[in-house]
Amino acid sequence: MLSAAIVGLGNWGQKIVAAVNGGSPLLRVDCAVVREARDDLCAFARSHDISLATDLQQVLNDQTIDAVIITTPHSLHVQQIIAAAAAGKHVFCEKPLALTREDAMRALDACGKAGRILAVGHDKRYWPSMIALREIASNRALGNILHLEGHTSNENASRFAGWRNDPLETPGGGMTGAGVHMLDALISIAGPVESLRAQLISQTECSAPRDSVSALLRFTNGISGTLATVRSTPFYWRAHVFGDAGSAEALGQTCLVVRKAGAALERRKFEPVDTLRAEMDAFAQAISGQARPTPSSGEIVATVHAFEAMLDSIALKRTVRLH
């Protein structure tokens, strides 16, 4: 079994530890790096039989640690990835990997030169509905794909404070926290984005952020798309693929709706899965050579590049070309 250290033990970091140490046959989190060994973090560590450290370098020097899981603020990701790769550790980093394409390339190059795996946390890829949607889109069951629509919202603005609501750490409103998941999902189906036009509309009368982001997308293969996210409304997910022979939409984790001309509407239901454990097991399988990292390096760069272009489009109030 592979041994991992997690860097950052906030809400999401604790969920990952619980998922992995709750039953993964391939990977175990043995240590957590925190800024301060607070009483609540010490109690959590004891309950999951992990040690605490306040110095990342201490963990990187530990030869018994095979991999590092990064759940820190986004601005720290790249420097921590580079340090981990230099120490010979495989890296799993929560999304977004970076806020610019240049930084994403630096992280990938560091891991590539060290011969280490770099995986990025997009747990929605492991939803049964999204696996089925990618399959039906790729096997031409919908004919020629013409258009994609994606909407994801997550009621995070009022539940999290600190860096998650800091515009310097999470630019682009809800795109950084929730929207980038959908951006990755659309790219996993249609490939890289060629150009886009995005807008951010913020409501400023409340203490918690209330904003919406929407964008028009053109993919390099000529497929069109739209994307929207709102970070102050209850959780919602819809990824919809339109082809000239039908359409299919993933609604949440467990539902896929298929529509074809002349046929009755088909509603497929799936059993829910622990996607955090699934993506961490996939990371372990990539380390052992049993699977390829997900997303691929090309998809990682394409998503960060499109994310950066969305920020540019919001700031410049115009269409931005990526390719």
C-alpha atoms as a PDB file:
ATOM      1  CA  MET A   1       0.000   0.000   0.000  1.00  0.00           C
ATOM      2  CA  LEU A   2       1.244   3.459  -0.909  1.00  0.00           C
ATOM      3  CA  SER A   3       1.808   6.021   1.839  1.00  0.00           C
ATOM      4  CA  ALA A   4       0.717   9.642   1.354  1.00  0.00           C
ATOM      5  CA  ALA A   5       0.975  12.915   3.209  1.00  0.00           C
ATOM      6  CA  ILE A   6      -1.727  15.542   2.829  1.00  0.00           C
ATOM      7  CA  VAL A   7      -0.800  19.221   2.803  1.00  0.00           C
ATOM      8  CA  GLY A   8      -3.710  21.205   4.213  1.00  0.00           C
ATOM      9  CA  LEU A   9      -6.299  19.749   6.563  1.00  0.00           C
ATOM     10  CA  GLY A  10      -9.282  22.015   6.065  1.00  0.00           C
ATOM     11  CA  ASN A  11     -12.796  20.911   5.162  1.00  0.00           C
ATOM     12  CA  TRP A  12     -11.835  19.269   1.853  1.00  0.00           C
ATOM     13  CA  GLY A  13      -8.590  17.804   3.144  1.00  0.00           C
ATOM     14  CA  GLN A  14     -10.461  16.100   5.981  1.00  0.00           C
ATOM     15  CA  LYS A  15     -12.976  14.659   3.498  1.00  0.00           C
ATOM     16  CA  ILE A  16     -10.143  13.152   1.462  1.00  0.00           C
ATOM     17  CA  VAL A  17      -8.535  11.614   4.553  1.00  0.00           C
ATOM     18  CA  ALA A  18     -11.865  10.130   5.635  1.00  0.00           C
ATOM     19  CA  ALA A  19     -12.482   8.699   2.157  1.00  0.00           C
ATOM     20  CA  VAL A  20      -9.006   7.204   1.725  1.00  0.00           C
ATOM     21  CA  ASN A  21      -8.394   5.906   5.226  1.00  0.00           C
ATOM     22  CA  GLY A  22     -11.965   4.705   5.355  1.00  0.00           C
ATOM     23  CA  GLY A  23     -11.249   1.797   3.060  1.00  0.00           C
ATOM     24  CA  SER A  24      -8.911   2.380   0.104  1.00  0.00           C
ATOM     25  CA  PRO A  25      -6.984  -0.835  -0.606  1.00  0.00           C
ATOM     26  CA  LEU A  26      -4.279   1.038  -2.499  1.00  0.00           C
ATOM     27  CA  LEU A  27      -3.404   4.213  -0.608  1.00  0.00           C
ATOM     28  CA  ARG A  28      -3.296   5.477   2.947  1.00  0.00           C
ATOM     29  CA  VAL A  29      -2.793   8.999   4.332  1.00  0.00           C
ATOM     30  CA  ASP A  30      -0.259   8.690   7.143  1.00  0.00           C
ATOM     31  CA  CYS A  31       0.617  12.329   7.783  1.00  0.00           C
ATOM     32  CA  ALA A  32      -0.864  15.814   7.439  1.00  0.00           C
ATOM     33  CA  VAL A  33       1.003  19.102   7.125  1.00  0.00           C
ATOM     34  CA  VAL A  34      -0.776  22.011   8.845  1.00  0.00           C
ATOM     35  CA  ARG A  35       0.172  25.585   9.660  1.00  0.00           C
ATOM     36  CA  GLU A  36      -0.735  25.128  13.313  1.00  0.00           C
ATOM     37  CA  ALA A  37      -1.446  21.974  15.310  1.00  0.00           C
ATOM     38  CA  ARG A  38      -4.772  23.209  16.691  1.00  0.00           C
ATOM     39  CA  ASP A  39      -6.743  21.081  19.137  1.00  0.00           C
ATOM     40  CA  ASP A  40      -9.442  20.278  16.560  1.00  0.00           C
ATOM     41  CA  LEU A  41      -6.850  19.155  14.000  1.00  0.00           C
ATOM     42  CA  CYS A  42      -5.059  17.039  16.591  1.00  0.00           C
ATOM     43  CA  ALA A  43      -8.361  15.383  17.476  1.00  0.00           C
ATOM     44  CA  PHE A  44      -9.093  14.672  13.800  1.00  0.00           C
ATOM     45  CA  ALA A  45      -5.605  13.265  13.298  1.00  0.00           C
ATOM     46  CA  ARG A  46      -5.983  10.921  16.266  1.00  0.00           C
ATOM     47  CA  SER A  47      -9.358   9.711  15.013  1.00  0.00           C
ATOM     48  CA  HIS A  48      -7.829   8.726  11.660  1.00  0.00           C
ATOM     49  CA  ASP A  49      -4.490   7.529  13.021  1.00  0.00           C
ATOM     50  CA  ILE A  50      -2.356  10.090  11.204  1.00  0.00           C
ATOM     51  CA  SER A  51       0.509  12.224  12.442  1.00  0.00           C
ATOM     52  CA  LEU A  52       0.722  16.009  12.174  1.00  0.00           C
ATOM     53  CA  ALA A  53       3.631  18.109  10.942  1.00  0.00           C
ATOM     54  CA  THR A  54       3.999  21.867  10.611  1.00  0.00           C
ATOM     55  CA  ASP A  55       6.924  21.776   8.176  1.00  0.00           C
ATOM     56  CA  LEU A  56       6.399  20.571   4.610  1.00  0.00           C
ATOM     57  CA  GLN A  57      10.098  19.911   4.156  1.00  0.00           C
ATOM     58  CA  GLN A  58      10.006  17.427   7.032  1.00  0.00           C
ATOM     59  CA  VAL A  59       7.494  15.358   5.065  1.00  0.00           C
ATOM     60  CA  LEU A  60       9.379  15.740   1.783  1.00  0.00           C
ATOM     61  CA  ASN A  61      12.515  14.398   3.475  1.00  0.00           C
ATOM     62  CA  ASP A  62      10.638  11.325   4.716  1.00  0.00           C
ATOM     63  CA  GLN A  63      11.565   8.430   2.435  1.00  0.00           C
ATOM     64  CA  THR A  64       8.591   6.374   3.596  1.00  0.00           C
ATOM     65  CA  ILE A  65       6.163   8.853   2.001  1.00  0.00           C
ATOM     66  CA  ASP A  66       5.394   7.962  -1.630  1.00  0.00           C
ATOM     67  CA  ALA A  67       2.975  10.748  -2.537  1.00  0.00           C
ATOM     68  CA  VAL A  68       1.778  14.188  -1.515  1.00  0.00           C
ATOM     69  CA  ILE A  69      -1.854  15.335  -1.666  1.00  0.00           C
ATOM     70  CA  ILE A  70      -2.211  19.125  -1.911  1.00  0.00           C
ATOM     71  CA  THR A  71      -5.383  20.855  -0.662  1.00  0.00           C
ATOM     72  CA  THR A  72      -3.932  24.292   0.085  1.00  0.00           C
ATOM     73  CA  PRO A  73      -4.921  27.713  -1.351  1.00  0.00           C
ATOM     74  CA  HIS A  74      -4.447  27.833  -5.122  1.00  0.00           C
ATOM     75  CA  SER A  75      -1.569  30.311  -5.065  1.00  0.00           C
ATOM     76  CA  LEU A  76       0.574  27.762  -3.192  1.00  0.00           C
ATOM     77  CA  HIS A  77      -0.034  24.812  -5.515  1.00  0.00           C
ATOM     78  CA  VAL A  78       2.739  25.249  -8.051  1.00  0.00           C
ATOM     79  CA  GLN A  79       5.584  25.889  -5.611  1.00  0.00           C
ATOM     80  CA  GLN A  80       4.470  22.929  -3.477  1.00  0.00           C
ATOM     81  CA  ILE A  81       4.187  20.656  -6.519  1.00  0.00           C
ATOM     82  CA  ILE A  82       7.672  21.600  -7.696  1.00  0.00           C
ATOM     83  CA  ALA A  83       9.109  20.985  -4.215  1.00  0.00           C
ATOM     84  CA  ALA A  84       7.352  17.617  -3.924  1.00  0.00           C
ATOM     85  CA  ALA A  85       8.512  16.482  -7.354  1.00  0.00           C
ATOM     86  CA  ALA A  86      12.082  17.502  -6.550  1.00  0.00           C
ATOM     87  CA  ALA A  87      11.853  15.304  -3.447  1.00  0.00           C
ATOM     88  CA  GLY A  88      10.747  12.359  -5.557  1.00  0.00           C
ATOM     89  CA  LYS A  89       7.094  12.391  -4.505  1.00  0.00           C
ATOM     90  CA  HIS A  90       4.098  11.759  -6.734  1.00  0.00           C
ATOM     91  CA  VAL A  91       1.545  14.567  -6.475  1.00  0.00           C
ATOM     92  CA  PHE A  92      -2.224  14.784  -6.338  1.00  0.00           C
ATOM     93  CA  CYS A  93      -3.339  18.432  -6.378  1.00  0.00           C
ATOM     94  CA  GLU A  94      -6.826  19.764  -5.871  1.00  0.00           C
ATOM     95  CA  LYS A  95      -8.300  21.929  -8.614  1.00  0.00           C
ATOM     96  CA  PRO A  96      -7.523  24.354 -10.003  1.00  0.00           C
ATOM     97  CA  LEU A  97      -3.965  23.179 -10.467  1.00  0.00           C
ATOM     98  CA  ALA A  98      -2.902  26.743 -11.220  1.00  0.00           C
ATOM     99  CA  LEU A  99      -4.410  30.074 -12.194  1.00  0.00           C
ATOM    100  CA  THR A 100      -2.330  30.485 -15.387  1.00  0.00           C
ATOM    101  CA  ARG A 101      -1.263  28.208 -18.226  1.00  0.00           C
ATOM    102  CA  GLU A 102       2.385  29.121 -17.639  1.00  0.00           C
ATOM    103  CA  ASP A 103       2.218  27.943 -14.021  1.00  0.00           C
ATOM    104  CA  ALA A 104       0.419  24.745 -15.023  1.00  0.00           C
ATOM    105  CA  MET A 105       3.211  23.988 -17.487  1.00  0.00           C
ATOM    106  CA  ARG A 106       5.836  24.625 -14.781  1.00  0.00           C
ATOM    107  CA  ALA A 107       4.153  22.114 -12.492  1.00  0.00           C
ATOM    108  CA  LEU A 108       3.802  19.483 -15.219  1.00  0.00           C
ATOM    109  CA  ASP A 109       7.388  19.996 -16.375  1.00  0.00           C
ATOM    110  CA  ALA A 110       8.703  19.575 -12.816  1.00  0.00           C
ATOM    111  CA  CYS A 111       6.856  16.280 -12.367  1.00  0.00           C
ATOM    112  CA  GLY A 112       7.783  15.096 -15.853  1.00  0.00           C
ATOM    113  CA  LYS A 113      11.491  15.740 -15.345  1.00  0.00           C
ATOM    114  CA  ALA A 114      11.357  13.945 -11.986  1.00  0.00           C
ATOM    115  CA  GLY A 115       9.466  11.012 -13.467  1.00  0.00           C
ATOM    116  CA  ARG A 116       6.605  11.547 -11.024  1.00  0.00           C
ATOM    117  CA  ILE A 117       2.843  11.357 -11.553  1.00  0.00           C
ATOM    118  CA  LEU A 118       0.809  14.579 -11.332  1.00  0.00           C
ATOM    119  CA  ALA A 119      -2.956  14.161 -10.950  1.00  0.00           C
ATOM    120  CA  VAL A 120      -5.549  16.907 -10.498  1.00  0.00           C
ATOM    121  CA  GLY A 121      -8.686  16.582  -8.375  1.00  0.00           C
ATOM    122  CA  HIS A 122     -11.773  16.662 -10.553  1.00  0.00           C
ATOM    123  CA  ASP A 123     -13.941  14.181  -8.672  1.00  0.00           C
ATOM    124  CA  LYS A 124     -16.989  14.837 -10.900  1.00  0.00           C
ATOM    125  CA  ARG A 125     -15.210  12.804 -13.605  1.00  0.00           C
ATOM    126  CA  TYR A 126     -15.937   9.734 -11.507  1.00  0.00           C
ATOM    127  CA  TRP A 127     -19.667  10.337 -11.244  1.00  0.00           C
ATOM    128  CA  PRO A 128     -21.530   7.459 -12.949  1.00  0.00           C
ATOM    129  CA  SER A 129     -23.640  10.007 -14.868  1.00  0.00           C
ATOM    130  CA  MET A 130     -20.532  11.710 -16.285  1.00  0.00           C
ATOM    131  CA  ILE A 131     -18.837   8.436 -17.188  1.00  0.00           C
ATOM    132  CA  ALA A 132     -21.986   7.456 -19.106  1.00  0.00           C
ATOM    133  CA  LEU A 133     -22.228  10.903 -20.740  1.00  0.00           C
ATOM    134  CA  ARG A 134     -18.646  10.765 -22.008  1.00  0.00           C
ATOM    135  CA  GLU A 135     -19.240   7.262 -23.331  1.00  0.00           C
ATOM    136  CA  ILE A 136     -22.438   8.115 -25.201  1.00  0.00           C
ATOM    137  CA  ALA A 137     -20.821  11.244 -26.646  1.00  0.00           C
ATOM    138  CA  SER A 138     -17.723   9.369 -27.843  1.00  0.00           C
ATOM    139  CA  ASN A 139     -19.440   6.339 -29.389  1.00  0.00           C
ATOM    140  CA  ARG A 140     -21.461   8.520 -31.790  1.00  0.00           C
ATOM    141  CA  ALA A 141     -24.782   7.382 -30.319  1.00  0.00           C
ATOM    142  CA  LEU A 142     -25.824  11.063 -30.541  1.00  0.00           C
ATOM    143  CA  GLY A 143     -24.447  11.504 -34.054  1.00  0.00           C
ATOM    144  CA  ASN A 144     -22.185  14.460 -34.742  1.00  0.00           C
ATOM    145  CA  ILE A 145     -21.764  16.570 -31.591  1.00  0.00           C
ATOM    146  CA  LEU A 146     -22.835  20.166 -32.242  1.00  0.00           C
ATOM    147  CA  HIS A 147     -23.186  21.889 -28.878  1.00  0.00           C
ATOM    148  CA  LEU A 148     -22.504  21.475 -25.134  1.00  0.00           C
ATOM    149  CA  GLU A 149     -24.189  23.170 -22.188  1.00  0.00           C
ATOM    150  CA  GLY A 150     -22.947  23.110 -18.628  1.00  0.00           C
ATOM    151  CA  HIS A 151     -24.222  24.577 -15.402  1.00  0.00           C
ATOM    152  CA  THR A 152     -22.827  23.928 -11.942  1.00  0.00           C
ATOM    153  CA  SER A 153     -23.648  25.854  -8.812  1.00  0.00           C
ATOM    154  CA  ASN A 154     -22.559  25.240  -5.259  1.00  0.00           C
ATOM    155  CA  GLU A 155     -23.765  27.043  -2.164  1.00  0.00           C
ATOM    156  CA  ASN A 156     -20.242  27.699  -0.908  1.00  0.00           C
ATOM    157  CA  ALA A 157     -20.081  31.466  -0.546  1.00  0.00           C
ATOM    158  CA  SER A 158     -21.983  31.601   2.737  1.00  0.00           C
ATOM    159  CA  ARG A 159     -20.410  28.423   4.183  1.00  0.00           C
ATOM    160  CA  PHE A 160     -16.730  29.201   3.709  1.00  0.00           C
ATOM    161  CA  ALA A 161     -14.785  32.305   4.642  1.00  0.00           C
ATOM    162  CA  GLY A 162     -11.132  33.269   4.441  1.00  0.00           C
ATOM    163  CA  TRP A 163      -9.132  32.494   1.318  1.00  0.00           C
ATOM    164  CA  ARG A 164     -12.004  30.764  -0.487  1.00  0.00           C
ATOM    165  CA  ASN A 165     -13.767  34.121  -0.784  1.00  0.00           C
ATOM    166  CA  ASP A 166     -10.615  36.140  -1.434  1.00  0.00           C
ATOM    167  CA  PRO A 167     -10.659  37.447  -5.049  1.00  0.00           C
ATOM    168  CA  LEU A 168      -6.863  37.119  -5.199  1.00  0.00           C
ATOM    169  CA  GLU A 169      -7.085  33.400  -4.380  1.00  0.00           C
ATOM    170  CA  THR A 170     -10.368  32.670  -6.147  1.00  0.00           C
ATOM    171  CA  PRO A 171     -10.656  35.036  -9.108  1.00  0.00           C
ATOM    172  CA  GLY A 172     -13.588  34.883 -11.459  1.00  0.00           C
ATOM    173  CA  GLY A 173     -16.282  34.542  -8.815  1.00  0.00           C
ATOM    174  CA  GLY A 174     -17.675  31.006  -8.676  1.00  0.00           C
ATOM    175  CA  MET A 175     -15.468  29.781 -11.533  1.00  0.00           C
ATOM    176  CA  THR A 176     -12.563  28.900  -9.242  1.00  0.00           C
ATOM    177  CA  GLY A 177     -14.530  26.873  -6.723  1.00  0.00           C
ATOM    178  CA  ALA A 178     -17.264  25.228  -8.806  1.00  0.00           C
ATOM    179  CA  GLY A 179     -17.206  26.365 -12.427  1.00  0.00           C
ATOM    180  CA  VAL A 180     -13.790  24.900 -13.198  1.00  0.00           C
ATOM    181  CA  HIS A 181     -15.264  21.429 -12.590  1.00  0.00           C
ATOM    182  CA  MET A 182     -17.712  21.994 -15.431  1.00  0.00           C
ATOM    183  CA  LEU A 183     -15.021  23.515 -17.625  1.00  0.00           C
ATOM    184  CA  ASP A 184     -12.987  20.323 -17.159  1.00  0.00           C
ATOM    185  CA  ALA A 185     -16.094  18.231 -17.892  1.00  0.00           C
ATOM    186  CA  LEU A 186     -16.807  20.007 -21.170  1.00  0.00           C
ATOM    187  CA  ILE A 187     -13.170  19.789 -22.250  1.00  0.00           C
ATOM    188  CA  SER A 188     -13.157  16.062 -21.449  1.00  0.00           C
ATOM    189  CA  ILE A 189     -15.934  15.684 -24.047  1.00  0.00           C
ATOM    190  CA  ALA A 190     -15.130  18.304 -26.704  1.00  0.00           C
ATOM    191  CA  GLY A 191     -11.400  18.925 -26.318  1.00  0.00           C
ATOM    192  CA  PRO A 192      -9.571  22.270 -26.031  1.00  0.00           C
ATOM    193  CA  VAL A 193     -11.306  25.644 -26.243  1.00  0.00           C
ATOM    194  CA  GLU A 194     -10.476  27.861 -29.217  1.00  0.00           C
ATOM    195  CA  SER A 195     -12.149  31.079 -28.060  1.00  0.00           C
ATOM    196  CA  LEU A 196     -14.570  32.305 -25.416  1.00  0.00           C
ATOM    197  CA  ARG A 197     -16.478  35.311 -24.114  1.00  0.00           C
ATOM    198  CA  ALA A 198     -17.238  35.434 -20.372  1.00  0.00           C
ATOM    199  CA  GLN A 199     -18.969  37.788 -17.966  1.00  0.00           C
ATOM    200  CA  LEU A 200     -19.023  38.077 -14.176  1.00  0.00           C
ATOM    201  CA  ILE A 201     -21.957  39.859 -12.551  1.00  0.00           C
ATOM    202  CA  SER A 202     -21.619  40.515  -8.811  1.00  0.00           C
ATOM    203  CA  GLN A 203     -24.155  41.614  -6.230  1.00  0.00           C
ATOM    204  CA  THR A 204     -22.363  43.733  -3.636  1.00  0.00           C
ATOM    205  CA  GLU A 205     -25.027  44.378  -1.017  1.00  0.00           C
ATOM    206  CA  CYS A 206     -24.298  41.182   0.970  1.00  0.00           C
ATOM    207  CA  SER A 207     -21.297  40.227   3.080  1.00  0.00           C
ATOM    208  CA  ALA A 208     -21.002  36.776   1.448  1.00  0.00           C
ATOM    209  CA  PRO A 209     -20.172  36.813  -2.286  1.00  0.00           C
ATOM    210  CA  ARG A 210     -23.187  36.634  -4.595  1.00  0.00           C
ATOM    211  CA  ASP A 211     -22.284  36.455  -8.262  1.00  0.00           C
ATOM    212  CA  SER A 212     -22.846  34.619 -11.499  1.00  0.00           C
ATOM    213  CA  VAL A 213     -20.430  33.743 -14.279  1.00  0.00           C
ATOM    214  CA  SER A 214     -21.544  32.801 -17.779  1.00  0.00           C
ATOM    215  CA  ALA A 215     -19.590  32.157 -20.944  1.00  0.00           C
ATOM    216  CA  LEU A 216     -19.936  31.372 -24.634  1.00  0.00           C
ATOM    217  CA  LEU A 217     -17.369  28.818 -25.820  1.00  0.00           C
ATOM    218  CA  ARG A 218     -16.056  27.666 -29.183  1.00  0.00           C
ATOM    219  CA  PHE A 219     -13.956  24.511 -29.151  1.00  0.00           C
ATOM    220  CA  THR A 220     -11.125  23.914 -31.601  1.00  0.00           C
ATOM    221  CA  ASN A 221     -13.178  21.218 -33.377  1.00  0.00           C
ATOM    222  CA  GLY A 222     -15.981  23.691 -34.111  1.00  0.00           C
ATOM    223  CA  ILE A 223     -18.368  22.587 -31.351  1.00  0.00           C
ATOM    224  CA  SER A 224     -20.112  25.438 -29.527  1.00  0.00           C
ATOM    225  CA  GLY A 225     -20.824  25.590 -25.823  1.00  0.00           C
ATOM    226  CA  THR A 226     -22.203  27.577 -22.915  1.00  0.00           C
ATOM    227  CA  LEU A 227     -21.199  27.463 -19.257  1.00  0.00           C
ATOM    228  CA  ALA A 228     -22.656  29.074 -16.143  1.00  0.00           C
ATOM    229  CA  THR A 229     -22.060  28.957 -12.409  1.00  0.00           C
ATOM    230  CA  VAL A 230     -23.610  30.647  -9.370  1.00  0.00           C
ATOM    231  CA  ARG A 231     -21.920  30.255  -5.997  1.00  0.00           C
ATOM    232  CA  SER A 232     -24.750  31.305  -3.697  1.00  0.00           C
ATOM    233  CA  THR A 233     -27.534  28.962  -4.810  1.00  0.00           C
ATOM    234  CA  PRO A 234     -28.088  25.317  -3.742  1.00  0.00           C
ATOM    235  CA  PHE A 235     -25.992  22.668  -5.424  1.00  0.00           C
ATOM    236  CA  TYR A 236     -26.905  21.908  -9.038  1.00  0.00           C
ATOM    237  CA  TRP A 237     -25.146  20.094 -11.894  1.00  0.00           C
ATOM    238  CA  ARG A 238     -26.203  19.689 -15.507  1.00  0.00           C
ATOM    239  CA  ALA A 239     -23.921  18.739 -18.389  1.00  0.00           C
ATOM    240  CA  HIS A 240     -25.803  18.466 -21.683  1.00  0.00           C
ATOM    241  CA  VAL A 241     -24.446  17.175 -25.010  1.00  0.00           C
ATOM    242  CA  PHE A 242     -26.392  17.891 -28.221  1.00  0.00           C
ATOM    243  CA  GLY A 243     -25.789  15.925 -31.413  1.00  0.00           C
ATOM    244  CA  ASP A 244     -27.606  15.764 -34.753  1.00  0.00           C
ATOM    245  CA  ALA A 245     -29.102  12.385 -33.740  1.00  0.00           C
ATOM    246  CA  GLY A 246     -30.043  13.145 -30.150  1.00  0.00           C
ATOM    247  CA  SER A 247     -28.973  14.671 -26.857  1.00  0.00           C
ATOM    248  CA  ALA A 248     -27.956  13.430 -23.413  1.00  0.00           C
ATOM    249  CA  GLU A 249     -27.701  15.285 -20.131  1.00  0.00           C
ATOM    250  CA  ALA A 250     -26.116  14.307 -16.841  1.00  0.00           C
ATOM    251  CA  LEU A 251     -28.123  15.611 -13.886  1.00  0.00           C
ATOM    252  CA  GLY A 252     -26.146  15.335 -10.703  1.00  0.00           C
ATOM    253  CA  GLN A 253     -24.191  12.186  -9.936  1.00  0.00           C
ATOM    254  CA  THR A 254     -26.767   9.508 -10.613  1.00  0.00           C
ATOM    255  CA  CYS A 255     -29.059  10.497 -13.500  1.00  0.00           C
ATOM    256  CA  LEU A 256     -28.608  10.559 -17.283  1.00  0.00           C
ATOM    257  CA  VAL A 257     -31.445  11.617 -19.600  1.00  0.00           C
ATOM    258  CA  VAL A 258     -31.224  10.575 -23.272  1.00  0.00           C
ATOM    259  CA  ARG A 259     -33.418  11.998 -26.024  1.00  0.00           C
ATOM    260  CA  LYS A 260     -33.437  10.654 -29.597  1.00  0.00           C
ATOM    261  CA  ALA A 261     -35.660  11.532 -32.522  1.00  0.00           C
ATOM    262  CA  GLY A 262     -38.661   9.237 -32.774  1.00  0.00           C
ATOM    263  CA  ALA A 263     -37.876   7.443 -29.505  1.00  0.00           C
ATOM    264  CA  ALA A 264     -39.243   7.700 -25.995  1.00  0.00           C
ATOM    265  CA  LEU A 265     -37.233   9.686 -23.474  1.00  0.00           C
ATOM    266  CA  GLU A 266     -34.793   7.422 -21.636  1.00  0.00           C
ATOM    267  CA  ARG A 267     -33.890   8.118 -18.009  1.00  0.00           C
ATOM    268  CA  ARG A 268     -30.985   6.103 -16.636  1.00  0.00           C
ATOM    269  CA  LYS A 269     -30.375   5.895 -12.879  1.00  0.00           C
ATOM    270  CA  PHE A 270     -27.075   4.879 -11.275  1.00  0.00           C
ATOM    271  CA  GLU A 271     -25.966   3.976  -7.793  1.00  0.00           C
ATOM    272  CA  PRO A 272     -23.898   6.723  -6.110  1.00  0.00           C
ATOM    273  CA  VAL A 273     -20.187   6.131  -5.549  1.00  0.00           C
ATOM    274  CA  ASP A 274     -17.550   7.590  -3.240  1.00  0.00           C
ATOM    275  CA  THR A 275     -15.853   9.727  -5.871  1.00  0.00           C
ATOM    276  CA  LEU A 276     -13.094  10.955  -3.567  1.00  0.00           C
ATOM    277  CA  ARG A 277     -11.992   7.400  -2.910  1.00  0.00           C
ATOM    278  CA  ALA A 278     -12.384   6.587  -6.603  1.00  0.00           C
ATOM    279  CA  GLU A 279     -10.113   9.419  -7.736  1.00  0.00           C
ATOM    280  CA  MET A 280      -7.527   8.658  -5.057  1.00  0.00           C
ATOM    281  CA  ASP A 281      -7.517   4.961  -6.027  1.00  0.00           C
ATOM    282  CA  ALA A 282      -7.080   6.042  -9.664  1.00  0.00           C
ATOM    283  CA  PHE A 283      -4.102   8.181  -8.557  1.00  0.00           C
ATOM    284  CA  ALA A 284      -2.578   5.147  -6.823  1.00  0.00           C
ATOM    285  CA  GLN A 285      -3.147   3.028  -9.930  1.00  0.00           C
ATOM    286  CA  ALA A 286      -1.394   5.662 -12.059  1.00  0.00           C
ATOM    287  CA  ILE A 287       1.583   5.592  -9.689  1.00  0.00           C
ATOM    288  CA  SER A 288       1.819   1.803 -10.025  1.00  0.00           C
ATOM    289  CA  GLY A 289       1.492   1.992 -13.820  1.00  0.00           C
ATOM    290  CA  GLN A 290      -1.926   0.325 -13.963  1.00  0.00           C
ATOM    291  CA  ALA A 291      -3.703   3.406 -15.358  1.00  0.00           C
ATOM    292  CA  ARG A 292      -3.041   6.784 -16.910  1.00  0.00           C
ATOM    293  CA  PRO A 293      -3.404   9.927 -14.792  1.00  0.00           C
ATOM    294  CA  THR A 294      -6.823  11.579 -15.011  1.00  0.00           C
ATOM    295  CA  PRO A 295      -7.183  14.228 -16.344  1.00  0.00           C
ATOM    296  CA  SER A 296      -4.384  13.806 -18.882  1.00  0.00           C
ATOM    297  CA  SER A 297      -1.617  16.405 -19.011  1.00  0.00           C
ATOM    298  CA  GLY A 298      -3.160  17.841 -22.183  1.00  0.00           C
ATOM    299  CA  GLU A 299      -6.550  18.190 -20.510  1.00  0.00           C
ATOM    300  CA  ILE A 300      -4.956  19.757 -17.431  1.00  0.00           C
ATOM    301  CA  VAL A 301      -3.297  22.438 -19.551  1.00  0.00           C
ATOM    302  CA  ALA A 302      -6.418  22.966 -21.680  1.00  0.00           C
ATOM    303  CA  THR A 303      -8.599  23.528 -18.606  1.00  0.00           C
ATOM    304  CA  VAL A 304      -6.192  25.948 -16.932  1.00  0.00           C
ATOM    305  CA  HIS A 305      -5.687  27.772 -20.236  1.00  0.00           C
ATOM    306  CA  ALA A 306      -9.454  28.184 -20.709  1.00  0.00           C
ATOM    307  CA  PHE A 307      -9.852  29.246 -17.070  1.00  0.00           C
ATOM    308  CA  GLU A 308      -7.167  31.908 -17.513  1.00  0.00           C
ATOM    309  CA  ALA A 309      -8.850  33.083 -20.736  1.00  0.00           C
ATOM    310  CA  MET A 310     -12.159  33.415 -18.888  1.00  0.00           C
ATOM    311  CA  LEU A 311     -10.514  35.705 -16.360  1.00  0.00           C
ATOM    312  CA  ASP A 312      -9.002  37.755 -19.190  1.00  0.00           C
ATOM    313  CA  SER A 313     -12.358  37.954 -20.969  1.00  0.00           C
ATOM    314  CA  ILE A 314     -14.105  39.121 -17.786  1.00  0.00           C
ATOM    315  CA  ALA A 315     -11.478  41.809 -17.247  1.00  0.00           C
ATOM    316  CA  LEU A 316     -11.262  42.954 -20.871  1.00  0.00           C
ATOM    317  CA  LYS A 317     -14.997  42.565 -21.639  1.00  0.00           C
ATOM    318  CA  ARG A 318     -14.303  40.946 -24.990  1.00  0.00           C
ATOM    319  CA  THR A 319     -13.822  37.616 -26.726  1.00  0.00           C
ATOM    320  CA  VAL A 320     -10.451  35.984 -26.048  1.00  0.00           C
ATOM    321  CA  ARG A 321      -8.805  33.570 -28.489  1.00  0.00           C
ATOM    322  CA  LEU A 322      -6.741  30.703 -27.061  1.00  0.00           C
ATOM    323  CA  HIS A 323      -5.586  29.057 -30.300  1.00  0.00           C
END
